[in-house]
Amino acid sequence: MTWQSVLKKTGLYLLKIIIILLLIAVAFFGGLMIGYGVIGDGNSPMDVFEPELWQHILDFIM
């Protein structure tokens, strides 16, 4: 095995991990937007990113 093949395999492995993490993040934020904006309260889906909403949620937890 040469260093080039090792670097190529390592690079492809890291690229796969990055792509999977990005897909997980997109699914997470998409789920937040759909769950809050469409299924939940019915307001704008972008409202889920407002800090006041998260402060309200944290007030219930703590």
N, C-alpha and C. Protein backbone atom coordinates (compact mmCIF):
# COMPACT_ATOMS: atom_id res chain seq x y z
N MET A 1 0.84 -1.18 0.00
CA MET A 1 0.00 0.00 0.00
C MET A 1 0.88 1.24 0.00
N THR A 2 0.55 2.15 -0.84
CA THR A 2 1.31 3.40 -0.90
C THR A 2 0.61 4.46 -0.06
N TRP A 3 1.36 5.52 0.23
CA TRP A 3 0.79 6.62 1.01
C TRP A 3 -0.36 7.28 0.27
N GLN A 4 -0.27 7.31 -1.03
CA GLN A 4 -1.34 7.93 -1.82
C GLN A 4 -2.65 7.16 -1.68
N SER A 5 -2.56 5.84 -1.71
CA SER A 5 -3.79 5.05 -1.58
C SER A 5 -4.36 5.16 -0.16
N VAL A 6 -3.48 5.23 0.83
CA VAL A 6 -3.95 5.39 2.21
C VAL A 6 -4.63 6.74 2.37
N LEU A 7 -4.03 7.80 1.85
CA LEU A 7 -4.63 9.13 1.93
C LEU A 7 -5.94 9.19 1.17
N LYS A 8 -6.00 8.54 0.03
CA LYS A 8 -7.23 8.54 -0.76
C LYS A 8 -8.35 7.83 0.00
N LYS A 9 -8.05 6.67 0.58
CA LYS A 9 -9.07 5.94 1.34
C LYS A 9 -9.51 6.72 2.57
N THR A 10 -8.56 7.35 3.25
CA THR A 10 -8.88 8.15 4.43
C THR A 10 -9.72 9.36 4.05
N GLY A 11 -9.37 10.01 2.95
CA GLY A 11 -10.13 11.16 2.49
C GLY A 11 -11.55 10.79 2.11
N LEU A 12 -11.73 9.66 1.44
CA LEU A 12 -13.08 9.22 1.07
C LEU A 12 -13.89 8.86 2.32
N TYR A 13 -13.23 8.26 3.30
CA TYR A 13 -13.90 7.92 4.55
C TYR A 13 -14.37 9.18 5.27
N LEU A 14 -13.50 10.16 5.36
CA LEU A 14 -13.87 11.42 6.01
C LEU A 14 -14.97 12.15 5.24
N LEU A 15 -14.91 12.10 3.92
CA LEU A 15 -15.95 12.73 3.10
C LEU A 15 -17.31 12.08 3.35
N LYS A 16 -17.33 10.76 3.48
CA LYS A 16 -18.58 10.07 3.77
C LYS A 16 -19.13 10.49 5.13
N ILE A 17 -18.26 10.60 6.12
CA ILE A 17 -18.69 11.02 7.45
C ILE A 17 -19.26 12.43 7.42
N ILE A 18 -18.60 13.33 6.71
CA ILE A 18 -19.08 14.72 6.61
C ILE A 18 -20.43 14.78 5.92
N ILE A 19 -20.59 14.02 4.85
CA ILE A 19 -21.87 14.01 4.12
C ILE A 19 -22.98 13.47 5.01
N ILE A 20 -22.71 12.41 5.76
CA ILE A 20 -23.72 11.85 6.65
C ILE A 20 -24.10 12.84 7.74
N LEU A 21 -23.10 13.52 8.32
CA LEU A 21 -23.39 14.52 9.35
C LEU A 21 -24.22 15.68 8.80
N LEU A 22 -23.93 16.09 7.58
CA LEU A 22 -24.72 17.16 6.95
C LEU A 22 -26.16 16.71 6.70
N LEU A 23 -26.33 15.47 6.25
CA LEU A 23 -27.69 14.96 6.04
C LEU A 23 -28.46 14.85 7.35
N ILE A 24 -27.78 14.46 8.42
CA ILE A 24 -28.43 14.40 9.73
C ILE A 24 -28.85 15.80 10.17
N ALA A 25 -27.99 16.79 9.96
CA ALA A 25 -28.31 18.17 10.36
C ALA A 25 -29.50 18.70 9.56
N VAL A 26 -29.52 18.42 8.25
CA VAL A 26 -30.63 18.88 7.40
C VAL A 26 -31.93 18.21 7.85
N ALA A 27 -31.87 16.92 8.15
CA ALA A 27 -33.08 16.21 8.61
C ALA A 27 -33.55 16.75 9.96
N PHE A 28 -32.62 17.06 10.85
CA PHE A 28 -32.97 17.58 12.16
C PHE A 28 -33.66 18.93 12.06
N PHE A 29 -33.03 19.85 11.33
CA PHE A 29 -33.62 21.19 11.22
C PHE A 29 -34.89 21.18 10.39
N GLY A 30 -34.94 20.33 9.38
CA GLY A 30 -36.18 20.19 8.61
C GLY A 30 -37.31 19.64 9.47
N GLY A 31 -36.97 18.67 10.33
CA GLY A 31 -37.97 18.12 11.24
C GLY A 31 -38.45 19.15 12.26
N LEU A 32 -37.52 19.98 12.74
CA LEU A 32 -37.92 21.06 13.65
C LEU A 32 -38.90 22.00 12.98
N MET A 33 -38.59 22.38 11.76
CA MET A 33 -39.44 23.34 11.05
C MET A 33 -40.80 22.75 10.74
N ILE A 34 -40.84 21.51 10.29
CA ILE A 34 -42.12 20.88 9.96
C ILE A 34 -42.92 20.61 11.23
N GLY A 35 -42.25 20.13 12.27
CA GLY A 35 -42.95 19.83 13.51
C GLY A 35 -43.54 21.05 14.17
N TYR A 36 -42.82 22.15 14.16
CA TYR A 36 -43.33 23.36 14.82
C TYR A 36 -44.26 24.15 13.91
N GLY A 37 -43.84 24.36 12.66
CA GLY A 37 -44.59 25.24 11.77
C GLY A 37 -45.80 24.63 11.12
N VAL A 38 -45.74 23.34 10.82
CA VAL A 38 -46.84 22.71 10.09
C VAL A 38 -47.71 21.89 11.03
N ILE A 39 -47.11 21.00 11.78
CA ILE A 39 -47.88 20.11 12.65
C ILE A 39 -48.28 20.82 13.94
N GLY A 40 -47.37 21.60 14.48
CA GLY A 40 -47.59 22.18 15.80
C GLY A 40 -48.42 23.44 15.79
N ASP A 41 -47.81 24.53 16.20
CA ASP A 41 -48.48 25.80 16.44
C ASP A 41 -49.11 26.40 15.18
N GLY A 42 -48.57 26.11 14.04
CA GLY A 42 -49.13 26.62 12.81
C GLY A 42 -48.57 27.96 12.37
N ASN A 43 -47.66 28.53 13.13
CA ASN A 43 -47.02 29.78 12.73
C ASN A 43 -45.99 29.49 11.64
N SER A 44 -45.21 30.48 11.33
CA SER A 44 -44.16 30.33 10.33
C SER A 44 -43.14 29.28 10.78
N PRO A 45 -42.73 28.40 9.90
CA PRO A 45 -41.72 27.40 10.26
C PRO A 45 -40.40 28.00 10.73
N MET A 46 -40.10 29.22 10.31
CA MET A 46 -38.85 29.85 10.73
C MET A 46 -38.91 30.35 12.17
N ASP A 47 -40.10 30.37 12.76
CA ASP A 47 -40.23 30.80 14.15
C ASP A 47 -39.53 29.85 15.11
N VAL A 48 -39.27 28.64 14.68
CA VAL A 48 -38.63 27.66 15.56
C VAL A 48 -37.19 28.06 15.91
N PHE A 49 -36.61 28.97 15.17
CA PHE A 49 -35.23 29.39 15.42
C PHE A 49 -35.14 30.65 16.29
N GLU A 50 -36.26 31.13 16.78
CA GLU A 50 -36.22 32.32 17.63
C GLU A 50 -35.77 31.95 19.04
N PRO A 51 -34.86 32.72 19.62
CA PRO A 51 -34.36 32.40 20.97
C PRO A 51 -35.44 32.44 22.05
N GLU A 52 -36.46 33.26 21.87
CA GLU A 52 -37.52 33.34 22.87
C GLU A 52 -38.27 32.01 23.01
N LEU A 53 -38.46 31.32 21.90
CA LEU A 53 -39.13 30.03 21.94
C LEU A 53 -38.31 29.03 22.74
N TRP A 54 -37.01 29.00 22.50
CA TRP A 54 -36.15 28.05 23.20
C TRP A 54 -36.03 28.42 24.68
N GLN A 55 -36.05 29.69 25.00
CA GLN A 55 -36.03 30.10 26.40
C GLN A 55 -37.31 29.64 27.10
N HIS A 56 -38.43 29.75 26.40
CA HIS A 56 -39.71 29.29 26.93
C HIS A 56 -39.68 27.78 27.17
N ILE A 57 -39.12 27.03 26.23
CA ILE A 57 -39.00 25.57 26.38
C ILE A 57 -38.10 25.23 27.56
N LEU A 58 -36.97 25.93 27.68
CA LEU A 58 -36.04 25.66 28.78
C LEU A 58 -36.65 26.01 30.13
N ASP A 59 -37.53 27.01 30.17
CA ASP A 59 -38.20 27.36 31.41
C ASP A 59 -39.06 26.21 31.92
N PHE A 60 -39.67 25.44 31.00
CA PHE A 60 -40.47 24.29 31.40
C PHE A 60 -39.59 23.16 31.94
N ILE A 61 -38.42 23.00 31.35
CA ILE A 61 -37.54 21.90 31.73
C ILE A 61 -36.85 22.15 33.06
N MET A 62 -36.40 23.37 33.29
CA MET A 62 -35.61 23.66 34.48
C MET A 62 -36.40 24.29 35.57
